[in-house]
Amino acid sequence: MGNLTDDLIAANELIIEEYQRLEEHDPHHELLKYVSLDSDKKGFTPTQDKGLQEKFLEQFTDEKTTVARMWVDYYVAMRRAVDKIEGIDREPNGYLRKEDNYSTQACARRRRPPILKF
């Protein structure tokens, strides 16, 4: 198990890597405006633009959000943007339709076992 410092370094590396992936595909993507990479590309700096800071906070925080969660959500947003560009679908896909409501009756009609969620 790592320590908090190692975890923060790893999280920063993920953000930097995803930033670079997104930048390769679309250097003018909206998500790239919120931070800038340091010249050595080993760190990043949040934007100093107050308007963009407010927009970032609106998009990635609420009254219960921690700083760590904010950066995780930002990373996930960049990853989803890159995945969309690359045609990658990482979202979970169940075999029951949403309208089936995961009911036993719907499973019986479709002759498939129900997906049980605990």
PDB file of N, CA and C in Angstrom:
ATOM      1  N   MET A   1       0.840  -1.167   0.000  1.00  0.00           N
ATOM      2  CA  MET A   1       0.000   0.000   0.000  1.00  0.00           C
ATOM      3  C   MET A   1       0.888   1.233   0.000  1.00  0.00           C
ATOM      4  N   GLY A   2       0.588   2.188  -0.908  1.00  0.00           N
ATOM      5  CA  GLY A   2       1.375   3.400  -1.003  1.00  0.00           C
ATOM      6  C   GLY A   2       0.986   4.406   0.061  1.00  0.00           C
ATOM      7  N   ASN A   3       1.769   5.451   0.115  1.00  0.00           N
ATOM      8  CA  ASN A   3       1.424   6.508   1.055  1.00  0.00           C
ATOM      9  C   ASN A   3       0.717   7.634   0.307  1.00  0.00           C
ATOM     10  N   LEU A   4       0.251   8.619   1.029  1.00  0.00           N
ATOM     11  CA  LEU A   4      -0.533   9.699   0.435  1.00  0.00           C
ATOM     12  C   LEU A   4       0.266  10.463  -0.615  1.00  0.00           C
ATOM     13  N   THR A   5       1.525  10.696  -0.362  1.00  0.00           N
ATOM     14  CA  THR A   5       2.355  11.419  -1.325  1.00  0.00           C
ATOM     15  C   THR A   5       2.461  10.654  -2.636  1.00  0.00           C
ATOM     16  N   ASP A   6       2.691   9.353  -2.550  1.00  0.00           N
ATOM     17  CA  ASP A   6       2.759   8.530  -3.763  1.00  0.00           C
ATOM     18  C   ASP A   6       1.440   8.554  -4.510  1.00  0.00           C
ATOM     19  N   ASP A   7       0.330   8.512  -3.780  1.00  0.00           N
ATOM     20  CA  ASP A   7      -0.991   8.551  -4.411  1.00  0.00           C
ATOM     21  C   ASP A   7      -1.220   9.872  -5.139  1.00  0.00           C
ATOM     22  N   LEU A   8      -0.809  10.978  -4.528  1.00  0.00           N
ATOM     23  CA  LEU A   8      -0.964  12.284  -5.164  1.00  0.00           C
ATOM     24  C   LEU A   8      -0.099  12.402  -6.416  1.00  0.00           C
ATOM     25  N   ILE A   9       1.111  11.882  -6.337  1.00  0.00           N
ATOM     26  CA  ILE A   9       2.000  11.903  -7.503  1.00  0.00           C
ATOM     27  C   ILE A   9       1.390  11.079  -8.636  1.00  0.00           C
ATOM     28  N   ALA A  10       0.869   9.913  -8.306  1.00  0.00           N
ATOM     29  CA  ALA A  10       0.240   9.054  -9.315  1.00  0.00           C
ATOM     30  C   ALA A  10      -0.977   9.731  -9.932  1.00  0.00           C
ATOM     31  N   ALA A  11      -1.795  10.389  -9.113  1.00  0.00           N
ATOM     32  CA  ALA A  11      -2.981  11.085  -9.614  1.00  0.00           C
ATOM     33  C   ALA A  11      -2.576  12.220 -10.552  1.00  0.00           C
ATOM     34  N   ASN A  12      -1.543  12.968 -10.177  1.00  0.00           N
ATOM     35  CA  ASN A  12      -1.058  14.043 -11.046  1.00  0.00           C
ATOM     36  C   ASN A  12      -0.559  13.482 -12.377  1.00  0.00           C
ATOM     37  N   GLU A  13       0.133  12.354 -12.333  1.00  0.00           N
ATOM     38  CA  GLU A  13       0.633  11.741 -13.559  1.00  0.00           C
ATOM     39  C   GLU A  13      -0.519  11.323 -14.476  1.00  0.00           C
ATOM     40  N   LEU A  14      -1.588  10.792 -13.892  1.00  0.00           N
ATOM     41  CA  LEU A  14      -2.754  10.411 -14.697  1.00  0.00           C
ATOM     42  C   LEU A  14      -3.355  11.633 -15.395  1.00  0.00           C
ATOM     43  N   ILE A  15      -3.489  12.723 -14.666  1.00  0.00           N
ATOM     44  CA  ILE A  15      -4.054  13.943 -15.247  1.00  0.00           C
ATOM     45  C   ILE A  15      -3.158  14.441 -16.380  1.00  0.00           C
ATOM     46  N   ILE A  16      -1.857  14.446 -16.160  1.00  0.00           N
ATOM     47  CA  ILE A  16      -0.916  14.924 -17.174  1.00  0.00           C
ATOM     48  C   ILE A  16      -0.964  14.038 -18.418  1.00  0.00           C
ATOM     49  N   GLU A  17      -0.975  12.734 -18.231  1.00  0.00           N
ATOM     50  CA  GLU A  17      -1.037  11.811 -19.374  1.00  0.00           C
ATOM     51  C   GLU A  17      -2.325  11.999 -20.163  1.00  0.00           C
ATOM     52  N   GLU A  18      -3.433  12.141 -19.465  1.00  0.00           N
ATOM     53  CA  GLU A  18      -4.713  12.298 -20.161  1.00  0.00           C
ATOM     54  C   GLU A  18      -4.784  13.652 -20.852  1.00  0.00           C
ATOM     55  N   TYR A  19      -4.236  14.671 -20.227  1.00  0.00           N
ATOM     56  CA  TYR A  19      -4.158  15.999 -20.845  1.00  0.00           C
ATOM     57  C   TYR A  19      -3.416  15.899 -22.177  1.00  0.00           C
ATOM     58  N   GLN A  20      -2.276  15.208 -22.159  1.00  0.00           N
ATOM     59  CA  GLN A  20      -1.474  15.078 -23.373  1.00  0.00           C
ATOM     60  C   GLN A  20      -2.207  14.277 -24.445  1.00  0.00           C
ATOM     61  N   ARG A  21      -2.911  13.236 -24.044  1.00  0.00           N
ATOM     62  CA  ARG A  21      -3.705  12.450 -25.017  1.00  0.00           C
ATOM     63  C   ARG A  21      -4.759  13.325 -25.673  1.00  0.00           C
ATOM     64  N   LEU A  22      -5.468  14.108 -24.855  1.00  0.00           N
ATOM     65  CA  LEU A  22      -6.517  14.971 -25.394  1.00  0.00           C
ATOM     66  C   LEU A  22      -5.912  16.062 -26.274  1.00  0.00           C
ATOM     67  N   GLU A  23      -4.800  16.612 -25.851  1.00  0.00           N
ATOM     68  CA  GLU A  23      -4.135  17.667 -26.612  1.00  0.00           C
ATOM     69  C   GLU A  23      -3.686  17.178 -27.991  1.00  0.00           C
ATOM     70  N   GLU A  24      -3.255  15.910 -28.074  1.00  0.00           N
ATOM     71  CA  GLU A  24      -2.858  15.341 -29.365  1.00  0.00           C
ATOM     72  C   GLU A  24      -4.031  15.322 -30.343  1.00  0.00           C
ATOM     73  N   HIS A  25      -5.207  15.018 -29.852  1.00  0.00           N
ATOM     74  CA  HIS A  25      -6.387  14.926 -30.714  1.00  0.00           C
ATOM     75  C   HIS A  25      -7.008  16.289 -30.995  1.00  0.00           C
ATOM     76  N   ASP A  26      -7.074  17.132 -29.969  1.00  0.00           N
ATOM     77  CA  ASP A  26      -7.768  18.418 -30.115  1.00  0.00           C
ATOM     78  C   ASP A  26      -7.106  19.454 -29.205  1.00  0.00           C
ATOM     79  N   PRO A  27      -6.090  20.150 -29.719  1.00  0.00           N
ATOM     80  CA  PRO A  27      -5.357  21.095 -28.883  1.00  0.00           C
ATOM     81  C   PRO A  27      -6.187  22.273 -28.376  1.00  0.00           C
ATOM     82  N   HIS A  28      -7.391  22.436 -28.905  1.00  0.00           N
ATOM     83  CA  HIS A  28      -8.256  23.540 -28.487  1.00  0.00           C
ATOM     84  C   HIS A  28      -9.480  23.057 -27.716  1.00  0.00           C
ATOM     85  N   HIS A  29      -9.443  21.830 -27.223  1.00  0.00           N
ATOM     86  CA  HIS A  29     -10.579  21.276 -26.483  1.00  0.00           C
ATOM     87  C   HIS A  29     -10.847  22.103 -25.230  1.00  0.00           C
ATOM     88  N   GLU A  30     -12.116  22.277 -24.922  1.00  0.00           N
ATOM     89  CA  GLU A  30     -12.556  23.080 -23.772  1.00  0.00           C
ATOM     90  C   GLU A  30     -11.899  22.641 -22.458  1.00  0.00           C
ATOM     91  N   LEU A  31     -11.739  21.352 -22.245  1.00  0.00           N
ATOM     92  CA  LEU A  31     -11.182  20.853 -20.989  1.00  0.00           C
ATOM     93  C   LEU A  31      -9.712  21.242 -20.790  1.00  0.00           C
ATOM     94  N   LEU A  32      -9.005  21.519 -21.861  1.00  0.00           N
ATOM     95  CA  LEU A  32      -7.593  21.870 -21.754  1.00  0.00           C
ATOM     96  C   LEU A  32      -7.383  23.301 -21.263  1.00  0.00           C
ATOM     97  N   LYS A  33      -8.437  24.094 -21.262  1.00  0.00           N
ATOM     98  CA  LYS A  33      -8.320  25.493 -20.854  1.00  0.00           C
ATOM     99  C   LYS A  33      -8.215  25.659 -19.341  1.00  0.00           C
ATOM    100  N   TYR A  34      -8.574  24.619 -18.609  1.00  0.00           N
ATOM    101  CA  TYR A  34      -8.610  24.736 -17.150  1.00  0.00           C
ATOM    102  C   TYR A  34      -7.249  24.617 -16.479  1.00  0.00           C
ATOM    103  N   VAL A  35      -6.316  23.963 -17.135  1.00  0.00           N
ATOM    104  CA  VAL A  35      -4.957  23.840 -16.588  1.00  0.00           C
ATOM    105  C   VAL A  35      -3.965  23.997 -17.727  1.00  0.00           C
ATOM    106  N   SER A  36      -2.714  24.238 -17.364  1.00  0.00           N
ATOM    107  CA  SER A  36      -1.638  24.223 -18.358  1.00  0.00           C
ATOM    108  C   SER A  36      -0.504  23.381 -17.794  1.00  0.00           C
ATOM    109  N   LEU A  37       0.137  22.654 -18.693  1.00  0.00           N
ATOM    110  CA  LEU A  37       1.263  21.821 -18.261  1.00  0.00           C
ATOM    111  C   LEU A  37       2.487  22.688 -18.032  1.00  0.00           C
ATOM    112  N   ASP A  38       3.265  22.312 -17.042  1.00  0.00           N
ATOM    113  CA  ASP A  38       4.535  22.988 -16.803  1.00  0.00           C
ATOM    114  C   ASP A  38       5.468  22.701 -17.971  1.00  0.00           C
ATOM    115  N   SER A  39       6.496  23.501 -18.124  1.00  0.00           N
ATOM    116  CA  SER A  39       7.398  23.352 -19.268  1.00  0.00           C
ATOM    117  C   SER A  39       8.060  21.980 -19.327  1.00  0.00           C
ATOM    118  N   ASP A  40       8.297  21.363 -18.164  1.00  0.00           N
ATOM    119  CA  ASP A  40       8.909  20.030 -18.156  1.00  0.00           C
ATOM    120  C   ASP A  40       7.883  18.913 -18.304  1.00  0.00           C
ATOM    121  N   LYS A  41       6.611  19.280 -18.374  1.00  0.00           N
ATOM    122  CA  LYS A  41       5.480  18.340 -18.522  1.00  0.00           C
ATOM    123  C   LYS A  41       5.412  17.322 -17.387  1.00  0.00           C
ATOM    124  N   LYS A  42       5.911  17.705 -16.221  1.00  0.00           N
ATOM    125  CA  LYS A  42       5.843  16.829 -15.055  1.00  0.00           C
ATOM    126  C   LYS A  42       4.888  17.374 -14.003  1.00  0.00           C
ATOM    127  N   GLY A  43       4.269  18.478 -14.305  1.00  0.00           N
ATOM    128  CA  GLY A  43       3.316  19.084 -13.394  1.00  0.00           C
ATOM    129  C   GLY A  43       2.349  19.950 -14.189  1.00  0.00           C
ATOM    130  N   PHE A  44       1.343  20.468 -13.516  1.00  0.00           N
ATOM    131  CA  PHE A  44       0.397  21.346 -14.188  1.00  0.00           C
ATOM    132  C   PHE A  44      -0.010  22.463 -13.237  1.00  0.00           C
ATOM    133  N   THR A  45      -0.489  23.531 -13.839  1.00  0.00           N
ATOM    134  CA  THR A  45      -0.910  24.697 -13.085  1.00  0.00           C
ATOM    135  C   THR A  45      -2.346  25.029 -13.470  1.00  0.00           C
ATOM    136  N   PRO A  46      -3.235  25.183 -12.490  1.00  0.00           N
ATOM    137  CA  PRO A  46      -4.604  25.594 -12.806  1.00  0.00           C
ATOM    138  C   PRO A  46      -4.605  26.986 -13.451  1.00  0.00           C
ATOM    139  N   THR A  47      -5.590  27.233 -14.270  1.00  0.00           N
ATOM    140  CA  THR A  47      -5.707  28.522 -14.938  1.00  0.00           C
ATOM    141  C   THR A  47      -5.816  29.661 -13.927  1.00  0.00           C
ATOM    142  N   GLN A  48      -5.331  30.816 -14.319  1.00  0.00           N
ATOM    143  CA  GLN A  48      -5.444  32.005 -13.484  1.00  0.00           C
ATOM    144  C   GLN A  48      -6.642  32.857 -13.896  1.00  0.00           C
ATOM    145  N   ASP A  49      -7.308  32.465 -14.978  1.00  0.00           N
ATOM    146  CA  ASP A  49      -8.488  33.180 -15.461  1.00  0.00           C
ATOM    147  C   ASP A  49      -9.661  32.923 -14.515  1.00  0.00           C
ATOM    148  N   LYS A  50     -10.153  33.957 -13.880  1.00  0.00           N
ATOM    149  CA  LYS A  50     -11.225  33.813 -12.871  1.00  0.00           C
ATOM    150  C   LYS A  50     -12.497  33.220 -13.465  1.00  0.00           C
ATOM    151  N   GLY A  51     -12.826  33.606 -14.669  1.00  0.00           N
ATOM    152  CA  GLY A  51     -14.019  33.068 -15.316  1.00  0.00           C
ATOM    153  C   GLY A  51     -13.912  31.570 -15.553  1.00  0.00           C
ATOM    154  N   LEU A  52     -12.753  31.134 -16.038  1.00  0.00           N
ATOM    155  CA  LEU A  52     -12.533  29.702 -16.253  1.00  0.00           C
ATOM    156  C   LEU A  52     -12.475  28.948 -14.930  1.00  0.00           C
ATOM    157  N   GLN A  53     -11.907  29.582 -13.892  1.00  0.00           N
ATOM    158  CA  GLN A  53     -11.872  28.945 -12.573  1.00  0.00           C
ATOM    159  C   GLN A  53     -13.296  28.689 -12.080  1.00  0.00           C
ATOM    160  N   GLU A  54     -14.162  29.676 -12.226  1.00  0.00           N
ATOM    161  CA  GLU A  54     -15.552  29.515 -11.787  1.00  0.00           C
ATOM    162  C   GLU A  54     -16.259  28.431 -12.587  1.00  0.00           C
ATOM    163  N   LYS A  55     -16.030  28.418 -13.886  1.00  0.00           N
ATOM    164  CA  LYS A  55     -16.642  27.394 -14.742  1.00  0.00           C
ATOM    165  C   LYS A  55     -16.156  25.999 -14.349  1.00  0.00           C
ATOM    166  N   PHE A  56     -14.856  25.878 -14.076  1.00  0.00           N
ATOM    167  CA  PHE A  56     -14.279  24.608 -13.642  1.00  0.00           C
ATOM    168  C   PHE A  56     -14.938  24.145 -12.345  1.00  0.00           C
ATOM    169  N   LEU A  57     -15.027  25.034 -11.381  1.00  0.00           N
ATOM    170  CA  LEU A  57     -15.623  24.681 -10.089  1.00  0.00           C
ATOM    171  C   LEU A  57     -17.095  24.298 -10.235  1.00  0.00           C
ATOM    172  N   GLU A  58     -17.825  24.990 -11.098  1.00  0.00           N
ATOM    173  CA  GLU A  58     -19.233  24.629 -11.348  1.00  0.00           C
ATOM    174  C   GLU A  58     -19.342  23.236 -11.934  1.00  0.00           C
ATOM    175  N   GLN A  59     -18.442  22.924 -12.843  1.00  0.00           N
ATOM    176  CA  GLN A  59     -18.512  21.643 -13.545  1.00  0.00           C
ATOM    177  C   GLN A  59     -18.027  20.470 -12.696  1.00  0.00           C
ATOM    178  N   PHE A  60     -17.036  20.674 -11.851  1.00  0.00           N
ATOM    179  CA  PHE A  60     -16.390  19.552 -11.180  1.00  0.00           C
ATOM    180  C   PHE A  60     -16.532  19.537  -9.660  1.00  0.00           C
ATOM    181  N   THR A  61     -17.324  20.432  -9.103  1.00  0.00           N
ATOM    182  CA  THR A  61     -17.494  20.434  -7.651  1.00  0.00           C
ATOM    183  C   THR A  61     -18.938  20.709  -7.258  1.00  0.00           C
ATOM    184  N   ASP A  62     -19.235  20.370  -6.032  1.00  0.00           N
ATOM    185  CA  ASP A  62     -20.451  20.805  -5.363  1.00  0.00           C
ATOM    186  C   ASP A  62     -20.075  21.050  -3.910  1.00  0.00           C
ATOM    187  N   GLU A  63     -21.042  21.270  -3.058  1.00  0.00           N
ATOM    188  CA  GLU A  63     -20.719  21.607  -1.668  1.00  0.00           C
ATOM    189  C   GLU A  63     -20.051  20.467  -0.905  1.00  0.00           C
ATOM    190  N   LYS A  64     -20.104  19.243  -1.402  1.00  0.00           N
ATOM    191  CA  LYS A  64     -19.522  18.101  -0.701  1.00  0.00           C
ATOM    192  C   LYS A  64     -18.237  17.573  -1.354  1.00  0.00           C
ATOM    193  N   THR A  65     -17.819  18.169  -2.450  1.00  0.00           N
ATOM    194  CA  THR A  65     -16.673  17.675  -3.201  1.00  0.00           C
ATOM    195  C   THR A  65     -15.358  17.998  -2.498  1.00  0.00           C
ATOM    196  N   THR A  66     -14.509  17.001  -2.406  1.00  0.00           N
ATOM    197  CA  THR A  66     -13.155  17.220  -1.890  1.00  0.00           C
ATOM    198  C   THR A  66     -12.256  17.645  -3.053  1.00  0.00           C
ATOM    199  N   VAL A  67     -11.102  18.165  -2.735  1.00  0.00           N
ATOM    200  CA  VAL A  67     -10.147  18.559  -3.770  1.00  0.00           C
ATOM    201  C   VAL A  67      -9.721  17.335  -4.579  1.00  0.00           C
ATOM    202  N   ALA A  68      -9.481  16.232  -3.907  1.00  0.00           N
ATOM    203  CA  ALA A  68      -9.081  15.008  -4.606  1.00  0.00           C
ATOM    204  C   ALA A  68     -10.177  14.567  -5.576  1.00  0.00           C
ATOM    205  N   ARG A  69     -11.419  14.599  -5.134  1.00  0.00           N
ATOM    206  CA  ARG A  69     -12.537  14.188  -5.986  1.00  0.00           C
ATOM    207  C   ARG A  69     -12.671  15.116  -7.194  1.00  0.00           C
ATOM    208  N   MET A  70     -12.433  16.402  -6.988  1.00  0.00           N
ATOM    209  CA  MET A  70     -12.510  17.368  -8.075  1.00  0.00           C
ATOM    210  C   MET A  70     -11.525  16.992  -9.184  1.00  0.00           C
ATOM    211  N   TRP A  71     -10.285  16.664  -8.794  1.00  0.00           N
ATOM    212  CA  TRP A  71      -9.287  16.324  -9.801  1.00  0.00           C
ATOM    213  C   TRP A  71      -9.569  14.972 -10.440  1.00  0.00           C
ATOM    214  N   VAL A  72     -10.116  14.043  -9.704  1.00  0.00           N
ATOM    215  CA  VAL A  72     -10.514  12.752 -10.283  1.00  0.00           C
ATOM    216  C   VAL A  72     -11.604  12.975 -11.328  1.00  0.00           C
ATOM    217  N   ASP A  73     -12.596  13.785 -11.003  1.00  0.00           N
ATOM    218  CA  ASP A  73     -13.678  14.062 -11.953  1.00  0.00           C
ATOM    219  C   ASP A  73     -13.151  14.750 -13.213  1.00  0.00           C
ATOM    220  N   TYR A  74     -12.172  15.634 -13.044  1.00  0.00           N
ATOM    221  CA  TYR A  74     -11.560  16.303 -14.193  1.00  0.00           C
ATOM    222  C   TYR A  74     -10.827  15.285 -15.068  1.00  0.00           C
ATOM    223  N   TYR A  75     -10.078  14.390 -14.436  1.00  0.00           N
ATOM    224  CA  TYR A  75      -9.380  13.338 -15.175  1.00  0.00           C
ATOM    225  C   TYR A  75     -10.375  12.477 -15.960  1.00  0.00           C
ATOM    226  N   VAL A  76     -11.450  12.072 -15.299  1.00  0.00           N
ATOM    227  CA  VAL A  76     -12.452  11.219 -15.949  1.00  0.00           C
ATOM    228  C   VAL A  76     -13.095  11.957 -17.130  1.00  0.00           C
ATOM    229  N   ALA A  77     -13.357  13.239 -16.982  1.00  0.00           N
ATOM    230  CA  ALA A  77     -13.935  14.013 -18.083  1.00  0.00           C
ATOM    231  C   ALA A  77     -12.987  14.046 -19.279  1.00  0.00           C
ATOM    232  N   MET A  78     -11.700  14.228 -19.016  1.00  0.00           N
ATOM    233  CA  MET A  78     -10.728  14.222 -20.120  1.00  0.00           C
ATOM    234  C   MET A  78     -10.650  12.839 -20.756  1.00  0.00           C
ATOM    235  N   ARG A  79     -10.656  11.795 -19.934  1.00  0.00           N
ATOM    236  CA  ARG A  79     -10.592  10.433 -20.478  1.00  0.00           C
ATOM    237  C   ARG A  79     -11.800  10.141 -21.350  1.00  0.00           C
ATOM    238  N   ARG A  80     -12.980  10.556 -20.898  1.00  0.00           N
ATOM    239  CA  ARG A  80     -14.190  10.343 -21.703  1.00  0.00           C
ATOM    240  C   ARG A  80     -14.134  11.122 -23.005  1.00  0.00           C
ATOM    241  N   ALA A  81     -13.576  12.325 -22.970  1.00  0.00           N
ATOM    242  CA  ALA A  81     -13.453  13.112 -24.196  1.00  0.00           C
ATOM    243  C   ALA A  81     -12.531  12.411 -25.193  1.00  0.00           C
ATOM    244  N   VAL A  82     -11.410  11.902 -24.713  1.00  0.00           N
ATOM    245  CA  VAL A  82     -10.476  11.184 -25.582  1.00  0.00           C
ATOM    246  C   VAL A  82     -11.120   9.901 -26.088  1.00  0.00           C
ATOM    247  N   ASP A  83     -11.776   9.175 -25.199  1.00  0.00           N
ATOM    248  CA  ASP A  83     -12.438   7.932 -25.614  1.00  0.00           C
ATOM    249  C   ASP A  83     -13.467   8.192 -26.706  1.00  0.00           C
ATOM    250  N   LYS A  84     -14.208   9.268 -26.585  1.00  0.00           N
ATOM    251  CA  LYS A  84     -15.214   9.601 -27.599  1.00  0.00           C
ATOM    252  C   LYS A  84     -14.543   9.864 -28.940  1.00  0.00           C
ATOM    253  N   ILE A  85     -13.445  10.608 -28.912  1.00  0.00           N
ATOM    254  CA  ILE A  85     -12.705  10.892 -30.141  1.00  0.00           C
ATOM    255  C   ILE A  85     -12.155   9.604 -30.750  1.00  0.00           C
ATOM    256  N   GLU A  86     -11.645   8.710 -29.903  1.00  0.00           N
ATOM    257  CA  GLU A  86     -11.031   7.470 -30.391  1.00  0.00           C
ATOM    258  C   GLU A  86     -12.039   6.352 -30.627  1.00  0.00           C
ATOM    259  N   GLY A  87     -13.306   6.596 -30.296  1.00  0.00           N
ATOM    260  CA  GLY A  87     -14.331   5.577 -30.508  1.00  0.00           C
ATOM    261  C   GLY A  87     -14.291   4.450 -29.499  1.00  0.00           C
ATOM    262  N   ILE A  88     -13.818   4.738 -28.295  1.00  0.00           N
ATOM    263  CA  ILE A  88     -13.734   3.736 -27.233  1.00  0.00           C
ATOM    264  C   ILE A  88     -14.950   3.881 -26.325  1.00  0.00           C
ATOM    265  N   ASP A  89     -15.602   2.765 -26.011  1.00  0.00           N
ATOM    266  CA  ASP A  89     -16.756   2.788 -25.112  1.00  0.00           C
ATOM    267  C   ASP A  89     -16.409   2.004 -23.861  1.00  0.00           C
ATOM    268  N   ARG A  90     -16.144   2.711 -22.763  1.00  0.00           N
ATOM    269  CA  ARG A  90     -15.792   2.067 -21.507  1.00  0.00           C
ATOM    270  C   ARG A  90     -16.987   1.946 -20.569  1.00  0.00           C
ATOM    271  N   GLU A  91     -18.114   2.520 -20.956  1.00  0.00           N
ATOM    272  CA  GLU A  91     -19.273   2.521 -20.072  1.00  0.00           C
ATOM    273  C   GLU A  91     -19.826   1.106 -19.952  1.00  0.00           C
ATOM    274  N   PRO A  92     -20.301   0.740 -18.760  1.00  0.00           N
ATOM    275  CA  PRO A  92     -20.847  -0.611 -18.575  1.00  0.00           C
ATOM    276  C   PRO A  92     -22.070  -0.841 -19.454  1.00  0.00           C
ATOM    277  N   ASN A  93     -22.125  -2.022 -20.025  1.00  0.00           N
ATOM    278  CA  ASN A  93     -23.251  -2.387 -20.891  1.00  0.00           C
ATOM    279  C   ASN A  93     -23.892  -3.655 -20.363  1.00  0.00           C
ATOM    280  N   GLY A  94     -25.097  -3.531 -19.809  1.00  0.00           N
ATOM    281  CA  GLY A  94     -25.835  -4.712 -19.366  1.00  0.00           C
ATOM    282  C   GLY A  94     -26.616  -5.284 -20.527  1.00  0.00           C
ATOM    283  N   TYR A  95     -27.037  -6.513 -20.421  1.00  0.00           N
ATOM    284  CA  TYR A  95     -27.784  -7.081 -21.541  1.00  0.00           C
ATOM    285  C   TYR A  95     -29.281  -6.904 -21.379  1.00  0.00           C
ATOM    286  N   LEU A  96     -29.738  -6.338 -20.283  1.00  0.00           N
ATOM    287  CA  LEU A  96     -31.154  -6.029 -20.137  1.00  0.00           C
ATOM    288  C   LEU A  96     -31.405  -4.594 -20.550  1.00  0.00           C
ATOM    289  N   ARG A  97     -32.516  -4.393 -21.230  1.00  0.00           N
ATOM    290  CA  ARG A  97     -32.873  -3.039 -21.623  1.00  0.00           C
ATOM    291  C   ARG A  97     -33.311  -2.253 -20.397  1.00  0.00           C
ATOM    292  N   LYS A  98     -33.105  -0.973 -20.446  1.00  0.00           N
ATOM    293  CA  LYS A  98     -33.476  -0.109 -19.328  1.00  0.00           C
ATOM    294  C   LYS A  98     -34.972  -0.206 -19.037  1.00  0.00           C
ATOM    295  N   GLU A  99     -35.774  -0.278 -20.085  1.00  0.00           N
ATOM    296  CA  GLU A  99     -37.217  -0.324 -19.888  1.00  0.00           C
ATOM    297  C   GLU A  99     -37.687  -1.638 -19.252  1.00  0.00           C
ATOM    298  N   ASP A 100     -36.832  -2.658 -19.259  1.00  0.00           N
ATOM    299  CA  ASP A 100     -37.195  -3.919 -18.616  1.00  0.00           C
ATOM    300  C   ASP A 100     -37.202  -3.793 -17.101  1.00  0.00           C
ATOM    301  N   ASN A 101     -36.564  -2.760 -16.591  1.00  0.00           N
ATOM    302  CA  ASN A 101     -36.590  -2.500 -15.153  1.00  0.00           C
ATOM    303  C   ASN A 101     -35.983  -3.632 -14.336  1.00  0.00           C
ATOM    304  N   TYR A 102     -35.172  -4.453 -14.945  1.00  0.00           N
ATOM    305  CA  TYR A 102     -34.490  -5.545 -14.253  1.00  0.00           C
ATOM    306  C   TYR A 102     -35.468  -6.464 -13.510  1.00  0.00           C
ATOM    307  N   SER A 103     -36.641  -6.603 -14.054  1.00  0.00           N
ATOM    308  CA  SER A 103     -37.640  -7.437 -13.378  1.00  0.00           C
ATOM    309  C   SER A 103     -37.480  -8.900 -13.768  1.00  0.00           C
ATOM    310  N   THR A 104     -37.912  -9.757 -12.874  1.00  0.00           N
ATOM    311  CA  THR A 104     -37.880 -11.192 -13.132  1.00  0.00           C
ATOM    312  C   THR A 104     -38.796 -11.537 -14.301  1.00  0.00           C
ATOM    313  N   GLN A 105     -39.937 -10.849 -14.388  1.00  0.00           N
ATOM    314  CA  GLN A 105     -40.867 -11.119 -15.488  1.00  0.00           C
ATOM    315  C   GLN A 105     -40.234 -10.797 -16.843  1.00  0.00           C
ATOM    316  N   ALA A 106     -39.524  -9.693 -16.901  1.00  0.00           N
ATOM    317  CA  ALA A 106     -38.878  -9.329 -18.154  1.00  0.00           C
ATOM    318  C   ALA A 106     -37.809 -10.354 -18.521  1.00  0.00           C
ATOM    319  N   CYS A 107     -37.101 -10.832 -17.527  1.00  0.00           N
ATOM    320  CA  CYS A 107     -36.079 -11.849 -17.785  1.00  0.00           C
ATOM    321  C   CYS A 107     -36.720 -13.137 -18.268  1.00  0.00           C
ATOM    322  N   ALA A 108     -37.852 -13.488 -17.701  1.00  0.00           N
ATOM    323  CA  ALA A 108     -38.546 -14.702 -18.132  1.00  0.00           C
ATOM    324  C   ALA A 108     -38.996 -14.564 -19.583  1.00  0.00           C
ATOM    325  N   ARG A 109     -39.497 -13.390 -19.956  1.00  0.00           N
ATOM    326  CA  ARG A 109     -39.919 -13.166 -21.343  1.00  0.00           C
ATOM    327  C   ARG A 109     -38.741 -13.302 -22.300  1.00  0.00           C
ATOM    328  N   ARG A 110     -37.589 -12.866 -21.867  1.00  0.00           N
ATOM    329  CA  ARG A 110     -36.419 -12.881 -22.731  1.00  0.00           C
ATOM    330  C   ARG A 110     -35.595 -14.147 -22.533  1.00  0.00           C
ATOM    331  N   ARG A 111     -36.013 -15.006 -21.610  1.00  0.00           N
ATOM    332  CA  ARG A 111     -35.352 -16.269 -21.314  1.00  0.00           C
ATOM    333  C   ARG A 111     -33.894 -16.091 -20.899  1.00  0.00           C
ATOM    334  N   ARG A 112     -33.676 -15.085 -20.076  1.00  0.00           N
ATOM    335  CA  ARG A 112     -32.343 -14.849 -19.534  1.00  0.00           C
ATOM    336  C   ARG A 112     -32.470 -14.733 -18.026  1.00  0.00           C
ATOM    337  N   PRO A 113     -31.451 -15.140 -17.315  1.00  0.00           N
ATOM    338  CA  PRO A 113     -31.505 -15.016 -15.856  1.00  0.00           C
ATOM    339  C   PRO A 113     -31.438 -13.538 -15.460  1.00  0.00           C
ATOM    340  N   PRO A 114     -32.048 -13.190 -14.342  1.00  0.00           N
ATOM    341  CA  PRO A 114     -31.988 -11.796 -13.891  1.00  0.00           C
ATOM    342  C   PRO A 114     -30.591 -11.440 -13.396  1.00  0.00           C
ATOM    343  N   ILE A 115     -30.261 -10.185 -13.538  1.00  0.00           N
ATOM    344  CA  ILE A 115     -29.019  -9.670 -12.973  1.00  0.00           C
ATOM    345  C   ILE A 115     -29.366  -9.212 -11.575  1.00  0.00           C
ATOM    346  N   LEU A 116     -28.731  -9.815 -10.611  1.00  0.00           N
ATOM    347  CA  LEU A 116     -29.016  -9.471  -9.221  1.00  0.00           C
ATOM    348  C   LEU A 116     -27.995  -8.446  -8.758  1.00  0.00           C
ATOM    349  N   LYS A 117     -28.496  -7.390  -8.155  1.00  0.00           N
ATOM    350  CA  LYS A 117     -27.630  -6.346  -7.624  1.00  0.00           C
ATOM    351  C   LYS A 117     -27.809  -6.295  -6.135  1.00  0.00           C
ATOM    352  N   PHE A 118     -26.728  -6.283  -5.425  1.00  0.00           N
ATOM    353  CA  PHE A 118     -26.781  -6.243  -3.955  1.00  0.00           C
ATOM    354  C   PHE A 118     -26.289  -4.926  -3.456  1.00  0.00           C
TER     355      PHE A 118
END
